[in-house]
Amino acid sequence: MPQAVANLDQIDEHLEAVVRALYGAVKQGIPHVKEPQIVDKAIADCKEILDEIMAGKVDEWLN
C-alpha cells in the first residue's frame, strides 16, 4: 500500500523548478544548433539536471 510522503508540496515545487531549468537549457541550445560550444553547454546542463533527479536524493532537495 502506498505511504504518504512528507513535504510533498516542497518536492513538487523542486521538481517544477527542475523541469523549468531543463526546459530553459534545451530552449537555449536549440536556436544555436550550428554553434557547438553553446549546444555542448546546453547538453551538459541538461545532463547535470537529469543526473540530480536520477540520483533521487530527495532529502537534499528539501534543504
N, C-alpha and C. Protein backbone atom coordinates (compact mmCIF):
# COMPACT_ATOMS: atom_id res chain seq x y z
N MET A 1 0.85 -1.18 0.00
CA MET A 1 0.00 0.00 0.00
C MET A 1 0.90 1.24 0.00
N PRO A 2 0.58 2.25 -0.82
CA PRO A 2 1.40 3.47 -0.86
C PRO A 2 1.38 4.20 0.48
N GLN A 3 2.50 4.83 0.77
CA GLN A 3 2.59 5.60 2.01
C GLN A 3 2.64 7.08 1.66
N ALA A 4 2.11 7.88 2.57
CA ALA A 4 2.14 9.33 2.39
C ALA A 4 3.59 9.82 2.42
N VAL A 5 3.85 10.83 1.63
CA VAL A 5 5.20 11.40 1.56
C VAL A 5 5.19 12.75 2.27
N ALA A 6 6.11 12.90 3.20
CA ALA A 6 6.22 14.18 3.90
C ALA A 6 6.76 15.23 2.93
N ASN A 7 6.36 16.46 3.14
CA ASN A 7 6.85 17.59 2.36
C ASN A 7 6.55 17.47 0.87
N LEU A 8 5.41 16.89 0.54
CA LEU A 8 5.06 16.67 -0.86
C LEU A 8 5.02 17.98 -1.64
N ASP A 9 4.54 19.06 -1.01
CA ASP A 9 4.49 20.35 -1.70
C ASP A 9 5.89 20.84 -2.04
N GLN A 10 6.83 20.64 -1.13
CA GLN A 10 8.22 21.06 -1.39
C GLN A 10 8.82 20.25 -2.52
N ILE A 11 8.54 18.97 -2.55
CA ILE A 11 9.05 18.11 -3.61
C ILE A 11 8.47 18.56 -4.95
N ASP A 12 7.18 18.81 -4.98
CA ASP A 12 6.53 19.28 -6.21
C ASP A 12 7.14 20.59 -6.69
N GLU A 13 7.37 21.52 -5.78
CA GLU A 13 7.98 22.80 -6.14
C GLU A 13 9.38 22.60 -6.71
N HIS A 14 10.14 21.73 -6.06
CA HIS A 14 11.51 21.47 -6.54
C HIS A 14 11.49 20.85 -7.93
N LEU A 15 10.64 19.86 -8.13
CA LEU A 15 10.59 19.20 -9.43
C LEU A 15 10.07 20.15 -10.51
N GLU A 16 9.17 21.03 -10.16
CA GLU A 16 8.72 22.04 -11.12
C GLU A 16 9.88 22.95 -11.53
N ALA A 17 10.69 23.35 -10.55
CA ALA A 17 11.85 24.19 -10.85
C ALA A 17 12.85 23.43 -11.72
N VAL A 18 13.00 22.14 -11.47
CA VAL A 18 13.90 21.31 -12.27
C VAL A 18 13.42 21.23 -13.72
N VAL A 19 12.14 21.01 -13.89
CA VAL A 19 11.58 20.93 -15.25
C VAL A 19 11.75 22.26 -15.97
N ARG A 20 11.54 23.36 -15.27
CA ARG A 20 11.73 24.68 -15.88
C ARG A 20 13.20 24.90 -16.26
N ALA A 21 14.12 24.46 -15.41
CA ALA A 21 15.55 24.60 -15.70
C ALA A 21 15.93 23.75 -16.91
N LEU A 22 15.40 22.55 -16.97
CA LEU A 22 15.66 21.66 -18.10
C LEU A 22 15.11 22.26 -19.39
N TYR A 23 13.91 22.76 -19.32
CA TYR A 23 13.30 23.42 -20.48
C TYR A 23 14.15 24.61 -20.93
N GLY A 24 14.62 25.40 -19.96
CA GLY A 24 15.45 26.56 -20.28
C GLY A 24 16.76 26.16 -20.94
N ALA A 25 17.37 25.09 -20.48
CA ALA A 25 18.63 24.62 -21.07
C ALA A 25 18.40 24.17 -22.51
N VAL A 26 17.33 23.44 -22.74
CA VAL A 26 17.01 22.98 -24.10
C VAL A 26 16.69 24.18 -24.98
N LYS A 27 15.89 25.09 -24.46
CA LYS A 27 15.49 26.27 -25.23
C LYS A 27 16.71 27.12 -25.61
N GLN A 28 17.72 27.14 -24.76
CA GLN A 28 18.93 27.89 -25.04
C GLN A 28 19.75 27.22 -26.13
N GLY A 29 19.78 25.91 -26.16
CA GLY A 29 20.61 25.19 -27.11
C GLY A 29 20.02 25.08 -28.51
N ILE A 30 18.72 24.89 -28.61
CA ILE A 30 18.08 24.64 -29.90
C ILE A 30 18.35 25.74 -30.94
N PRO A 31 18.22 27.02 -30.61
CA PRO A 31 18.44 28.05 -31.64
C PRO A 31 19.91 28.15 -32.10
N HIS A 32 20.80 27.50 -31.37
CA HIS A 32 22.23 27.62 -31.68
C HIS A 32 22.80 26.29 -32.16
N VAL A 33 22.01 25.55 -32.92
CA VAL A 33 22.40 24.21 -33.35
C VAL A 33 23.74 24.22 -34.09
N LYS A 34 24.04 25.30 -34.77
CA LYS A 34 25.28 25.36 -35.56
C LYS A 34 26.45 25.95 -34.77
N GLU A 35 26.25 26.15 -33.46
CA GLU A 35 27.31 26.67 -32.60
C GLU A 35 27.61 25.62 -31.53
N PRO A 36 28.58 24.75 -31.83
CA PRO A 36 28.85 23.60 -30.96
C PRO A 36 29.10 23.94 -29.49
N GLN A 37 29.76 25.04 -29.20
CA GLN A 37 30.04 25.37 -27.79
C GLN A 37 28.75 25.60 -27.01
N ILE A 38 27.82 26.32 -27.61
CA ILE A 38 26.56 26.62 -26.93
C ILE A 38 25.73 25.35 -26.78
N VAL A 39 25.69 24.53 -27.82
CA VAL A 39 24.93 23.28 -27.76
C VAL A 39 25.54 22.34 -26.72
N ASP A 40 26.86 22.24 -26.72
CA ASP A 40 27.53 21.38 -25.74
C ASP A 40 27.24 21.83 -24.31
N LYS A 41 27.20 23.12 -24.08
CA LYS A 41 26.89 23.67 -22.76
C LYS A 41 25.45 23.32 -22.37
N ALA A 42 24.53 23.48 -23.33
CA ALA A 42 23.13 23.15 -23.06
C ALA A 42 22.97 21.66 -22.73
N ILE A 43 23.67 20.81 -23.48
CA ILE A 43 23.60 19.37 -23.22
C ILE A 43 24.18 19.04 -21.86
N ALA A 44 25.30 19.66 -21.52
CA ALA A 44 25.91 19.44 -20.20
C ALA A 44 24.97 19.88 -19.09
N ASP A 45 24.30 21.02 -19.27
CA ASP A 45 23.33 21.50 -18.28
C ASP A 45 22.18 20.50 -18.11
N CYS A 46 21.67 20.00 -19.24
CA CYS A 46 20.58 19.02 -19.19
C CYS A 46 21.02 17.76 -18.46
N LYS A 47 22.23 17.29 -18.77
CA LYS A 47 22.74 16.08 -18.12
C LYS A 47 22.87 16.29 -16.62
N GLU A 48 23.37 17.45 -16.22
CA GLU A 48 23.52 17.74 -14.79
C GLU A 48 22.16 17.73 -14.09
N ILE A 49 21.18 18.34 -14.71
CA ILE A 49 19.84 18.39 -14.14
C ILE A 49 19.25 16.98 -14.03
N LEU A 50 19.35 16.20 -15.10
CA LEU A 50 18.79 14.85 -15.08
C LEU A 50 19.54 13.93 -14.12
N ASP A 51 20.85 14.10 -14.02
CA ASP A 51 21.63 13.31 -13.07
C ASP A 51 21.17 13.57 -11.63
N GLU A 52 20.86 14.83 -11.34
CA GLU A 52 20.37 15.16 -9.99
C GLU A 52 19.07 14.43 -9.69
N ILE A 53 18.17 14.44 -10.65
CA ILE A 53 16.88 13.78 -10.45
C ILE A 53 17.07 12.27 -10.33
N MET A 54 17.87 11.70 -11.22
CA MET A 54 18.06 10.25 -11.21
C MET A 54 18.77 9.77 -9.94
N ALA A 55 19.57 10.62 -9.33
CA ALA A 55 20.23 10.25 -8.07
C ALA A 55 19.19 10.06 -6.96
N GLY A 56 18.07 10.79 -7.06
CA GLY A 56 16.96 10.59 -6.13
C GLY A 56 17.22 10.98 -4.69
N LYS A 57 18.11 11.91 -4.46
CA LYS A 57 18.43 12.34 -3.10
C LYS A 57 17.43 13.41 -2.63
N VAL A 58 16.23 12.97 -2.38
CA VAL A 58 15.12 13.86 -2.04
C VAL A 58 15.43 14.71 -0.81
N ASP A 59 16.08 14.14 0.18
CA ASP A 59 16.41 14.89 1.39
C ASP A 59 17.25 16.12 1.07
N GLU A 60 18.16 16.00 0.12
CA GLU A 60 18.99 17.14 -0.28
C GLU A 60 18.16 18.21 -0.99
N TRP A 61 17.15 17.81 -1.73
CA TRP A 61 16.32 18.77 -2.46
C TRP A 61 15.55 19.66 -1.49
N LEU A 62 15.24 19.12 -0.34
CA LEU A 62 14.38 19.85 0.60
C LEU A 62 15.15 20.75 1.54
N ASN A 63 16.45 20.69 1.53
CA ASN A 63 17.26 21.52 2.43
C ASN A 63 17.86 22.69 1.71
